[in-house]
Amino acid sequence: MRANVNLFWILAVFFAIVAALYTVWGILDAYQGHVEWTGTFALSLCALLSLLIAFYLSRVRAALGGELPEDRLDANIDDGDPEAGFFSPWSWWPIMLAASTALLFLGLAVGFWICFIALAIGVISLVGWVYEYYRGLFAR
């Protein structure tokens, strides 16, 4: 986590410098002669977001009270948390759910009637994903 904190502090400083240089460059440009607000605002927001993430991660690191296994050079793989959850390796339901979400956004862009089809496919996919281990070959 220490590497992440340092990385985001460096990014925050980098984006702040680039935002200042971009603003000065826009003012000194012969054709423009004024501040170009879109780029200045976007780069400033990148700096603020990096600053926010760096501050948050540094506070979390301080609250943990110790070094994480990924920060130690002598750590083994087993030192970290071994439980990452259970993921079904042969499940097609997440793909169907992603396809229904894509179809939903397509319906918002193209025609609203497609959203109803996407919602029906999404509900079926979600129910199938939740209950896939209650029926069939992998029933418990």
Protein backbone atom coordinates (compact mmCIF):
# COMPACT_ATOMS: atom_id res chain seq x y z
CA MET A 1 0.00 0.00 0.00
CA ARG A 2 2.96 2.29 0.55
CA ALA A 3 3.79 2.13 -3.15
CA ASN A 4 0.22 3.08 -4.05
CA VAL A 5 0.24 6.03 -1.67
CA ASN A 6 3.53 7.31 -3.09
CA LEU A 7 2.31 6.80 -6.64
CA PHE A 8 -0.83 8.87 -6.08
CA TRP A 9 1.10 11.67 -4.33
CA ILE A 10 3.43 11.81 -7.34
CA LEU A 11 0.46 11.82 -9.71
CA ALA A 12 -1.21 14.65 -7.79
CA VAL A 13 1.94 16.80 -8.01
CA PHE A 14 2.38 15.91 -11.70
CA PHE A 15 -1.19 16.85 -12.63
CA ALA A 16 -0.98 20.10 -10.65
CA ILE A 17 2.21 21.11 -12.49
CA VAL A 18 0.73 20.14 -15.86
CA ALA A 19 -2.46 22.10 -15.13
CA ALA A 20 -0.43 25.20 -14.26
CA LEU A 21 1.74 24.84 -17.37
CA TYR A 22 -1.34 24.28 -19.53
CA THR A 23 -2.96 27.43 -18.18
CA VAL A 24 0.16 29.54 -18.73
CA TRP A 25 0.62 28.07 -22.20
CA GLY A 26 -2.96 29.00 -23.12
CA ILE A 27 -2.46 32.56 -21.92
CA LEU A 28 0.84 33.00 -23.78
CA ASP A 29 -0.47 31.47 -27.02
CA ALA A 30 -0.63 34.06 -29.80
CA TYR A 31 -3.86 32.72 -31.29
CA GLN A 32 -5.73 32.10 -28.08
CA GLY A 33 -4.54 34.66 -25.55
CA HIS A 34 -6.85 33.54 -22.76
CA VAL A 35 -7.33 30.59 -20.43
CA GLU A 36 -8.73 27.47 -22.09
CA TRP A 37 -11.07 26.40 -19.31
CA THR A 38 -11.90 22.86 -20.39
CA GLY A 39 -8.37 21.50 -20.29
CA THR A 40 -7.43 23.53 -17.23
CA PHE A 41 -10.49 22.29 -15.35
CA ALA A 42 -9.94 18.66 -16.42
CA LEU A 43 -6.28 18.65 -15.41
CA SER A 44 -7.09 20.36 -12.11
CA LEU A 45 -9.74 17.75 -11.38
CA CYS A 46 -7.22 14.99 -12.16
CA ALA A 47 -4.87 16.57 -9.63
CA LEU A 48 -7.64 16.84 -7.03
CA LEU A 49 -8.76 13.27 -7.59
CA SER A 50 -5.21 11.96 -7.25
CA LEU A 51 -4.80 14.07 -4.11
CA LEU A 52 -8.04 12.66 -2.67
CA ILE A 53 -7.04 9.06 -3.37
CA ALA A 54 -3.53 9.61 -1.97
CA PHE A 55 -4.93 11.16 1.21
CA TYR A 56 -7.47 8.36 1.64
CA LEU A 57 -4.93 5.60 1.09
CA SER A 58 -2.46 7.22 3.48
CA ARG A 59 -5.16 7.43 6.16
CA VAL A 60 -6.13 3.79 5.59
CA ARG A 61 -2.48 2.77 5.79
CA ALA A 62 -2.09 4.67 9.07
CA ALA A 63 -5.28 3.11 10.47
CA LEU A 64 -4.10 -0.41 9.67
CA GLY A 65 -1.18 0.14 12.00
CA GLY A 66 1.30 -2.13 10.32
CA GLU A 67 2.91 -3.12 7.09
CA LEU A 68 0.84 -5.19 4.72
CA PRO A 69 2.36 -8.38 3.31
CA GLU A 70 2.66 -6.77 -0.11
CA ASP A 71 4.85 -4.01 1.36
CA ARG A 72 7.41 -6.39 2.88
CA LEU A 73 10.26 -7.74 0.78
CA ASP A 74 10.48 -10.97 2.78
CA ALA A 75 6.76 -11.82 2.54
CA ASN A 76 5.47 -15.02 0.98
CA ILE A 77 2.34 -15.43 -1.08
CA ASP A 78 0.68 -17.26 1.81
CA ASP A 79 1.11 -14.25 4.12
CA GLY A 80 -1.76 -12.44 2.40
CA ASP A 81 -5.43 -13.23 2.84
CA PRO A 82 -5.98 -16.59 1.15
CA GLU A 83 -9.76 -16.29 0.86
CA ALA A 84 -10.72 -14.26 -2.18
CA GLY A 85 -14.24 -15.61 -2.45
CA PHE A 86 -15.84 -18.33 -4.50
CA PHE A 87 -16.07 -17.87 -8.23
CA SER A 88 -17.77 -20.33 -10.48
CA PRO A 89 -15.29 -21.20 -13.23
CA TRP A 90 -17.83 -22.55 -15.74
CA SER A 91 -20.64 -20.06 -15.29
CA TRP A 92 -22.08 -18.33 -18.34
CA TRP A 93 -24.46 -16.17 -16.32
CA PRO A 94 -22.09 -13.21 -15.81
CA ILE A 95 -21.63 -12.97 -19.58
CA MET A 96 -25.40 -12.98 -20.06
CA LEU A 97 -25.79 -10.31 -17.39
CA ALA A 98 -23.14 -8.14 -19.07
CA ALA A 99 -24.85 -8.63 -22.44
CA SER A 100 -28.19 -7.58 -20.97
CA THR A 101 -26.57 -4.48 -19.48
CA ALA A 102 -25.04 -3.63 -22.85
CA LEU A 103 -28.44 -4.15 -24.47
CA LEU A 104 -30.01 -1.88 -21.84
CA PHE A 105 -27.62 0.96 -22.66
CA LEU A 106 -28.16 0.33 -26.36
CA GLY A 107 -31.87 0.67 -25.72
CA LEU A 108 -31.34 4.00 -23.98
CA ALA A 109 -29.39 5.24 -26.99
CA VAL A 110 -31.40 3.76 -29.87
CA GLY A 111 -34.92 2.90 -28.85
CA PHE A 112 -36.56 2.68 -25.47
CA TRP A 113 -38.46 -0.51 -26.32
CA ILE A 114 -35.16 -2.44 -26.32
CA CYS A 115 -34.81 -1.66 -22.61
CA PHE A 116 -37.77 -3.90 -21.79
CA ILE A 117 -36.14 -6.85 -23.54
CA ALA A 118 -32.84 -6.10 -21.80
CA LEU A 119 -34.52 -5.92 -18.39
CA ALA A 120 -36.21 -9.29 -18.95
CA ILE A 121 -32.91 -10.90 -20.00
CA GLY A 122 -31.18 -9.22 -17.05
CA VAL A 123 -33.67 -10.55 -14.50
CA ILE A 124 -33.41 -14.05 -15.95
CA SER A 125 -29.61 -13.84 -15.93
CA LEU A 126 -29.47 -12.57 -12.36
CA VAL A 127 -31.80 -15.28 -11.09
CA GLY A 128 -29.83 -17.90 -13.01
CA TRP A 129 -26.54 -16.68 -11.56
CA VAL A 130 -27.83 -16.63 -7.99
CA TYR A 131 -29.45 -20.05 -8.17
CA GLU A 132 -26.99 -21.90 -10.42
CA TYR A 133 -25.78 -24.12 -7.58
CA TYR A 134 -29.28 -25.16 -6.53
CA ARG A 135 -30.13 -27.19 -9.67
CA GLY A 136 -28.43 -29.35 -12.25
CA LEU A 137 -24.99 -30.95 -12.15
CA PHE A 138 -23.51 -28.70 -9.48
CA ALA A 139 -26.43 -28.75 -7.03
CA ARG A 140 -25.38 -28.83 -3.39
